[in-house]
């Protein structure tokens, strides 16, 4: 008995409006397969779309109401049945007839009167081919799922490395390292308000933690100084955007390249008085302009070695007053208008939160 891979008997549906033809094909196939019969196209479709569809269809062409070509077309158009092999069995043997059947998706063409050994051999061959195809599809689906899981793991690892890289610099002058988390969320919210798409805003949030990476290269006596920096000390501090840019370098990764841009440009000012290159207006990349607002706001409202935390209202007032000088005026206005969302982020990532328990940057 010819069976499936799992040992279950295969089912063949014979569709023909002539009882004699049904009897012949049943006699050939029933010793080897479970056989179903349908005397017209509509019944055949009901059988195929039932809870127990056949594994293969032997289909007559010339039938009343709905011919075999129509049945085949409907089967191949439906996702539930398009992979079931269809073999035409017909007295029409012209090349044009065969071509039409193959164009509709038929797997083979048997000419009446049928030869029992040929019918049996063709059915067996197409069922075996269908099994092999299904097995390959299953293997591809399994490998694809495994690759997707692996890619997700790699993406999570990459984002965690970037996150920790950003926090490595922040831990030098901020015990919890929560600044990079809050400012990244502020930057994302502002990006969305400014019209960036969700994927663009998410990418910006993932890259923003690298903004102060260059602080790694700043001596502790300057970075941690509790008082005002001297002119010489501030000149050294202003090197950190370039240091961060060179640490990241030019990469194939979009997120790393964006991080390098942010590191280099987030201290530029709209009026051209920022550093390191004194860019002005829209010469400053949008990522740098967006990050500048989120970074300054969180720096103002956080405790640092050299200052107390500002209130949210005072910090927003400074951003409003620096609109058009330090900050892009459009972005400053948008940021001041999103106080409620800002407070939600500030409350969620308050300094009292245990940093090691945070997972602030979900995979997109």
Protein backbone atom coordinates (compact mmCIF):
# COMPACT_ATOMS: atom_id res chain seq x y z
CA UNK A 1 0.00 0.00 0.00
CA UNK A 2 1.37 3.44 -0.99
CA UNK A 3 1.48 5.75 1.98
CA UNK A 4 2.63 9.15 3.20
CA UNK A 5 5.85 9.82 5.11
CA UNK A 6 3.97 9.39 8.37
CA UNK A 7 2.36 6.13 7.29
CA UNK A 8 -1.14 7.46 6.63
CA UNK A 9 -2.81 6.35 3.40
CA UNK A 10 -2.89 8.96 0.64
CA UNK A 11 -6.20 10.21 -0.74
CA UNK A 12 -6.90 10.71 -4.44
CA UNK A 13 -9.99 12.58 -5.66
CA UNK A 14 -11.34 11.49 -9.06
CA UNK A 15 -13.57 14.04 -10.79
CA UNK A 16 -15.52 12.82 -13.82
CA UNK A 17 -19.17 12.99 -14.91
CA UNK A 18 -19.06 9.57 -16.59
CA UNK A 19 -19.66 6.60 -14.22
CA UNK A 20 -17.68 4.22 -16.45
CA UNK A 21 -14.58 6.43 -16.23
CA UNK A 22 -14.94 6.68 -12.47
CA UNK A 23 -15.16 2.89 -12.20
CA UNK A 24 -12.00 2.39 -14.28
CA UNK A 25 -9.91 4.84 -12.30
CA UNK A 26 -11.26 3.59 -8.97
CA UNK A 27 -10.31 0.07 -9.97
CA UNK A 28 -6.76 1.17 -10.76
CA UNK A 29 -6.19 3.28 -7.67
CA UNK A 30 -8.28 1.85 -4.81
CA UNK A 31 -5.86 -1.05 -4.06
CA UNK A 32 -3.18 1.55 -3.29
CA UNK A 33 -4.95 4.73 -2.17
CA UNK A 34 -8.03 6.00 -0.43
CA UNK A 35 -10.26 7.15 -3.29
CA UNK A 36 -12.90 9.89 -3.30
CA UNK A 37 -15.15 10.65 -6.27
CA UNK A 38 -17.04 13.69 -7.53
CA UNK A 39 -19.30 13.76 -10.57
CA UNK A 40 -19.05 17.50 -11.22
CA UNK A 41 -16.87 20.50 -10.50
CA UNK A 42 -18.93 21.98 -7.69
CA UNK A 43 -18.88 18.76 -5.68
CA UNK A 44 -15.15 18.47 -6.32
CA UNK A 45 -14.53 21.94 -4.84
CA UNK A 46 -16.56 21.05 -1.75
CA UNK A 47 -14.47 17.93 -1.24
CA UNK A 48 -11.17 19.78 -1.70
CA UNK A 49 -12.19 22.56 0.72
CA UNK A 50 -13.49 20.12 3.34
CA UNK A 51 -11.74 19.27 6.60
CA UNK A 52 -10.04 16.30 4.89
CA UNK A 53 -8.80 17.47 1.47
CA UNK A 54 -7.29 15.01 -1.01
CA UNK A 55 -3.56 14.71 -1.65
CA UNK A 56 -4.03 14.65 -5.44
CA UNK A 57 -6.85 15.35 -7.94
CA UNK A 58 -7.54 13.47 -11.18
CA UNK A 59 -9.71 15.90 -13.13
CA UNK A 60 -11.77 15.43 -16.26
CA UNK A 61 -11.88 18.43 -18.62
CA UNK A 62 -15.23 18.07 -20.37
CA UNK A 63 -17.94 18.32 -17.71
CA UNK A 64 -21.30 20.16 -17.68
CA UNK A 65 -21.82 23.46 -15.80
CA UNK A 66 -18.18 23.80 -14.74
CA UNK A 67 -15.41 22.31 -16.88
CA UNK A 68 -12.12 21.00 -15.55
CA UNK A 69 -10.16 24.10 -16.59
CA UNK A 70 -12.40 26.25 -14.38
CA UNK A 71 -12.06 23.85 -11.46
CA UNK A 72 -8.28 23.81 -11.82
CA UNK A 73 -8.12 27.62 -11.98
CA UNK A 74 -10.19 27.94 -8.81
CA UNK A 75 -8.02 25.41 -7.01
CA UNK A 76 -4.80 27.18 -7.96
CA UNK A 77 -6.16 30.58 -6.97
CA UNK A 78 -6.95 29.47 -3.42
CA UNK A 79 -4.13 29.24 -0.86
CA UNK A 80 -5.77 26.20 0.71
CA UNK A 81 -5.53 24.10 -2.44
CA UNK A 82 -2.94 25.62 -4.76
CA UNK A 83 -0.28 23.06 -3.79
CA UNK A 84 -2.46 20.00 -4.40
CA UNK A 85 -1.27 18.28 -7.62
CA UNK A 86 -3.91 18.28 -10.37
CA UNK A 87 -3.70 15.73 -13.21
CA UNK A 88 -6.04 16.22 -16.15
CA UNK A 89 -7.60 13.03 -17.52
CA UNK A 90 -9.29 13.73 -20.86
CA UNK A 91 -9.91 12.58 -24.42
CA UNK A 92 -8.74 15.99 -25.66
CA UNK A 93 -5.15 15.43 -26.73
CA UNK A 94 -4.39 18.46 -28.85
CA UNK A 95 -1.25 20.43 -27.97
CA UNK A 96 -3.36 23.52 -27.31
CA UNK A 97 -5.45 21.60 -24.79
CA UNK A 98 -2.41 20.37 -22.90
CA UNK A 99 -0.83 23.84 -22.96
CA UNK A 100 -3.97 25.40 -21.49
CA UNK A 101 -3.95 22.86 -18.67
CA UNK A 102 -0.30 23.44 -17.83
CA UNK A 103 -0.77 27.20 -17.92
CA UNK A 104 -3.54 26.81 -15.33
CA UNK A 105 -1.14 24.96 -13.04
CA UNK A 106 -1.85 21.29 -13.82
CA UNK A 107 0.95 18.90 -12.92
CA UNK A 108 0.31 16.37 -15.71
CA UNK A 109 -1.99 15.38 -18.56
CA UNK A 110 -3.35 11.83 -19.10
CA UNK A 111 -5.17 10.93 -22.29
CA UNK A 112 -8.23 8.65 -22.39
CA UNK A 113 -8.53 5.75 -22.73
CA UNK A 114 -6.11 5.53 -19.84
CA UNK A 115 -3.41 2.91 -19.35
CA UNK A 116 -3.67 1.58 -15.78
CA UNK A 117 0.12 1.21 -15.30
CA UNK A 118 0.71 4.75 -16.58
CA UNK A 119 -2.04 6.19 -14.35
CA UNK A 120 -0.59 4.41 -11.34
CA UNK A 121 2.97 5.48 -12.15
CA UNK A 122 2.03 9.15 -12.75
CA UNK A 123 -0.03 9.35 -9.56
CA UNK A 124 2.76 7.74 -7.53
CA UNK A 125 5.39 10.09 -9.05
CA UNK A 126 3.42 13.28 -8.42
CA UNK A 127 2.55 12.32 -4.87
CA UNK A 128 6.23 11.61 -4.18
CA UNK A 129 7.23 14.93 -5.76
CA UNK A 130 4.60 16.72 -3.68
CA UNK A 131 5.94 15.09 -0.52
CA UNK A 132 9.49 16.14 -1.38
CA UNK A 133 8.38 19.68 -2.13
CA UNK A 134 6.48 19.85 1.16
CA UNK A 135 9.48 18.48 3.03
CA UNK A 136 11.73 21.12 1.45
CA UNK A 137 9.21 23.86 2.27
CA UNK A 138 9.09 22.66 5.88
CA UNK A 139 12.88 22.67 6.05
CA UNK A 140 13.05 26.16 4.56
CA UNK A 141 10.41 27.38 7.02
CA UNK A 142 12.34 25.83 9.92
CA UNK A 143 15.66 27.33 8.78
CA UNK A 144 13.98 30.69 8.22
CA UNK A 145 12.51 30.65 11.73
CA UNK A 146 15.91 29.70 13.16
CA UNK A 147 17.59 32.52 11.23
CA UNK A 148 14.96 34.99 12.41
CA UNK A 149 15.57 33.97 16.01
CA UNK A 150 19.32 34.24 15.49
CA UNK A 151 18.99 37.64 13.84
CA UNK A 152 16.80 38.82 16.71
CA UNK A 153 19.40 37.62 19.20
CA UNK A 154 22.15 39.41 17.25
CA UNK A 155 20.05 42.58 17.07
CA UNK A 156 19.37 42.46 20.80
CA UNK A 157 23.08 41.90 21.47
CA UNK A 158 24.08 44.76 19.20
CA UNK A 159 21.63 47.13 20.81
CA UNK A 160 22.73 46.08 24.30
CA UNK A 161 26.38 46.67 23.36
CA UNK A 162 25.49 50.12 22.01
CA UNK A 163 23.45 50.86 25.11
CA UNK A 164 26.23 49.78 27.45
CA UNK A 165 28.81 51.65 25.35
CA UNK A 166 26.84 54.84 25.84
CA UNK A 167 26.40 54.19 29.54
CA UNK A 168 30.12 53.45 29.96
CA UNK A 169 30.91 57.11 29.38
CA UNK A 170 27.91 58.29 31.39
CA UNK A 171 28.88 56.25 34.46
CA UNK A 172 31.99 58.40 34.81
CA UNK A 173 29.97 61.44 35.85
CA UNK A 174 26.54 59.96 36.63
CA UNK A 175 26.17 57.07 39.06
CA UNK A 176 23.14 55.44 37.47
CA UNK A 177 23.82 56.11 33.79
CA UNK A 178 20.12 56.87 33.36
CA UNK A 179 20.86 60.07 31.48
CA UNK A 180 21.41 58.16 28.23
CA UNK A 181 18.10 56.38 28.66
CA UNK A 182 16.02 59.47 29.36
CA UNK A 183 17.62 61.70 26.74
CA UNK A 184 17.21 58.94 24.12
CA UNK A 185 13.49 58.69 24.88
CA UNK A 186 13.11 62.50 24.84
CA UNK A 187 14.87 62.55 21.48
CA UNK A 188 12.61 59.85 20.08
CA UNK A 189 9.46 61.65 21.22
CA UNK A 190 10.69 64.90 19.70
CA UNK A 191 11.58 63.13 16.44
CA UNK A 192 8.04 61.79 16.15
CA UNK A 193 6.60 65.26 16.83
CA UNK A 194 8.91 66.62 14.13
CA UNK A 195 7.45 64.22 11.56
CA UNK A 196 9.94 61.36 11.49
CA UNK A 197 8.52 57.88 11.00
CA UNK A 198 8.40 55.31 13.81
CA UNK A 199 11.38 53.34 12.37
CA UNK A 200 13.41 56.54 11.96
CA UNK A 201 12.61 57.69 15.49
CA UNK A 202 13.41 54.24 16.90
CA UNK A 203 16.76 54.18 15.10
CA UNK A 204 17.55 57.61 16.52
CA UNK A 205 16.69 56.40 20.02
CA UNK A 206 19.01 53.42 19.59
CA UNK A 207 21.89 55.58 18.37
CA UNK A 208 21.51 58.50 20.81
CA UNK A 209 23.20 56.72 23.78
CA UNK A 210 26.51 57.09 21.93
CA UNK A 211 26.31 60.90 21.96
CA UNK A 212 28.84 61.40 24.77
CA UNK A 213 31.04 58.38 24.08
CA UNK A 214 33.99 60.71 23.65
CA UNK A 215 33.90 61.51 27.38
CA UNK A 216 35.93 58.32 27.79
CA UNK A 217 38.87 60.34 26.52
CA UNK A 218 38.42 63.27 28.94
CA UNK A 219 40.58 63.27 32.11
CA UNK A 220 38.71 62.74 35.39
CA UNK A 221 39.98 65.97 36.92
CA UNK A 222 38.11 67.84 34.19
CA UNK A 223 35.08 65.61 33.72
CA UNK A 224 34.40 65.33 37.46
CA UNK A 225 35.43 68.82 38.48
CA UNK A 226 32.75 70.18 40.87
CA UNK A 227 33.32 73.80 39.94
CA UNK A 228 33.44 75.84 36.76
CA UNK A 229 35.98 74.78 34.15
CA UNK A 230 38.81 77.07 33.18
CA UNK A 231 39.16 78.19 29.57
CA UNK A 232 41.89 75.57 29.03
CA UNK A 233 39.86 72.83 30.70
CA UNK A 234 36.78 73.64 28.65
CA UNK A 235 38.89 73.49 25.49
CA UNK A 236 39.82 69.93 26.45
CA UNK A 237 36.19 69.07 27.26
CA UNK A 238 35.13 70.30 23.83
CA UNK A 239 37.24 67.59 22.23
CA UNK A 240 34.83 64.83 23.27
CA UNK A 241 32.55 65.05 20.19
CA UNK A 242 35.50 64.41 17.88
CA UNK A 243 36.87 61.69 20.17
CA UNK A 244 33.47 59.95 20.16
CA UNK A 245 33.21 60.27 16.39
CA UNK A 246 36.60 58.63 15.89
CA UNK A 247 35.89 55.88 18.45
CA UNK A 248 32.81 54.83 16.48
CA UNK A 249 34.47 55.38 13.11
CA UNK A 250 32.88 54.69 9.73
CA UNK A 251 30.82 51.52 9.83
CA UNK A 252 28.50 49.56 7.55
CA UNK A 253 25.83 49.68 10.24
CA UNK A 254 23.25 52.45 9.89
CA UNK A 255 22.85 52.73 13.65
CA UNK A 256 26.60 53.10 14.21
CA UNK A 257 26.94 55.73 11.49
CA UNK A 258 24.02 57.63 12.97
CA UNK A 259 25.67 57.36 16.40
CA UNK A 260 28.87 58.83 14.97
CA UNK A 261 26.93 61.75 13.47
CA UNK A 262 25.17 62.40 16.78
CA UNK A 263 28.42 62.21 18.74
CA UNK A 264 30.05 64.76 16.44
CA UNK A 265 27.17 67.26 16.08
CA UNK A 266 25.05 67.28 19.25
CA UNK A 267 26.97 70.26 20.70
CA UNK A 268 26.59 72.42 17.59
CA UNK A 269 24.26 75.40 17.99
CA UNK A 270 21.65 76.81 15.63
CA UNK A 271 23.43 80.22 15.58
CA UNK A 272 26.83 78.72 14.72
CA UNK A 273 28.53 79.22 18.09
CA UNK A 274 28.64 75.55 19.08
CA UNK A 275 31.47 73.06 18.71
CA UNK A 276 33.47 71.37 17.30
CA UNK A 277 32.86 72.77 13.77
CA UNK A 278 30.66 75.81 14.41
CA UNK A 279 27.94 74.56 12.08
CA UNK A 280 24.81 76.72 11.86
CA UNK A 281 21.13 76.20 11.11
CA UNK A 282 20.33 73.26 8.87
CA UNK A 283 24.04 72.64 8.29
CA UNK A 284 23.69 70.71 11.54
CA UNK A 285 22.31 67.24 10.77
CA UNK A 286 18.74 66.78 12.01
CA UNK A 287 19.87 63.92 14.28
CA UNK A 288 22.30 66.28 16.02
CA UNK A 289 19.66 69.02 16.40
CA UNK A 290 17.13 66.60 17.85
CA UNK A 291 19.60 65.02 20.24
CA UNK A 292 20.83 68.43 21.43
CA UNK A 293 17.39 69.28 22.82
CA UNK A 294 16.89 65.97 24.64
CA UNK A 295 20.46 65.98 25.93
CA UNK A 296 20.40 69.52 27.31
CA UNK A 297 16.99 69.09 28.91
CA UNK A 298 18.01 65.97 30.79
CA UNK A 299 21.39 67.44 31.75
CA UNK A 300 19.64 70.47 33.23
CA UNK A 301 17.12 68.41 35.19
CA UNK A 302 19.74 65.96 36.53
CA UNK A 303 22.17 66.31 39.41
CA UNK A 304 25.77 66.67 38.27
CA UNK A 305 29.04 67.08 40.25
CA UNK A 306 29.01 70.78 39.49
CA UNK A 307 25.28 71.64 39.91
CA UNK A 308 21.89 70.82 41.35
CA UNK A 309 18.99 69.58 39.23
CA UNK A 310 16.79 72.24 37.63
CA UNK A 311 13.01 71.99 37.76
CA UNK A 312 11.26 70.82 34.59
CA UNK A 313 9.61 74.23 34.25
CA UNK A 314 12.94 76.10 34.47
CA UNK A 315 14.57 73.73 31.98
CA UNK A 316 11.72 74.13 29.49
CA UNK A 317 11.91 77.90 29.93
CA UNK A 318 15.62 77.84 29.06
CA UNK A 319 14.93 75.78 25.93
CA UNK A 320 12.23 78.29 24.98
CA UNK A 321 14.58 81.22 25.54
CA UNK A 322 17.39 79.53 23.56
CA UNK A 323 15.12 78.86 20.58
CA UNK A 324 16.82 80.23 17.48
CA UNK A 325 20.17 80.61 19.22
CA UNK A 326 21.19 77.27 20.75
CA UNK A 327 18.31 75.19 19.42
CA UNK A 328 16.46 74.73 16.15
CA UNK A 329 13.44 77.01 16.76
CA UNK A 330 10.94 74.54 15.36
CA UNK A 331 12.27 71.70 17.52
CA UNK A 332 12.45 73.88 20.63
CA UNK A 333 8.80 74.88 20.21
CA UNK A 334 7.74 71.27 19.70
CA UNK A 335 9.68 70.10 22.75
CA UNK A 336 8.26 72.75 25.07
CA UNK A 337 4.78 71.68 23.94
CA UNK A 338 5.25 68.04 24.95
CA UNK A 339 5.63 68.54 28.69
CA UNK A 340 3.23 65.73 29.61
CA UNK A 341 5.16 63.13 27.60
CA UNK A 342 8.45 64.44 29.02
CA UNK A 343 7.21 64.06 32.59
CA UNK A 344 6.11 60.49 31.87
CA UNK A 345 9.61 59.56 30.69
CA UNK A 346 11.24 61.38 33.60
CA UNK A 347 9.03 59.53 36.10
CA UNK A 348 9.56 56.14 34.44
CA UNK A 349 13.35 56.47 34.42
CA UNK A 350 13.92 58.36 37.65
CA UNK A 351 17.39 58.16 39.17
CA UNK A 352 16.10 55.94 41.97
CA UNK A 353 15.45 53.14 39.46
CA UNK A 354 17.92 50.28 39.60
CA UNK A 355 19.83 50.63 36.35
CA UNK A 356 20.71 46.96 36.08
CA UNK A 357 17.03 46.03 35.92
CA UNK A 358 16.23 48.28 33.00
CA UNK A 359 15.54 47.17 29.46
CA UNK A 360 14.82 50.62 28.04
CA UNK A 361 15.44 50.03 24.36
CA UNK A 362 13.05 47.37 23.00
CA UNK A 363 13.90 45.66 19.69
CA UNK A 364 11.94 47.17 16.81
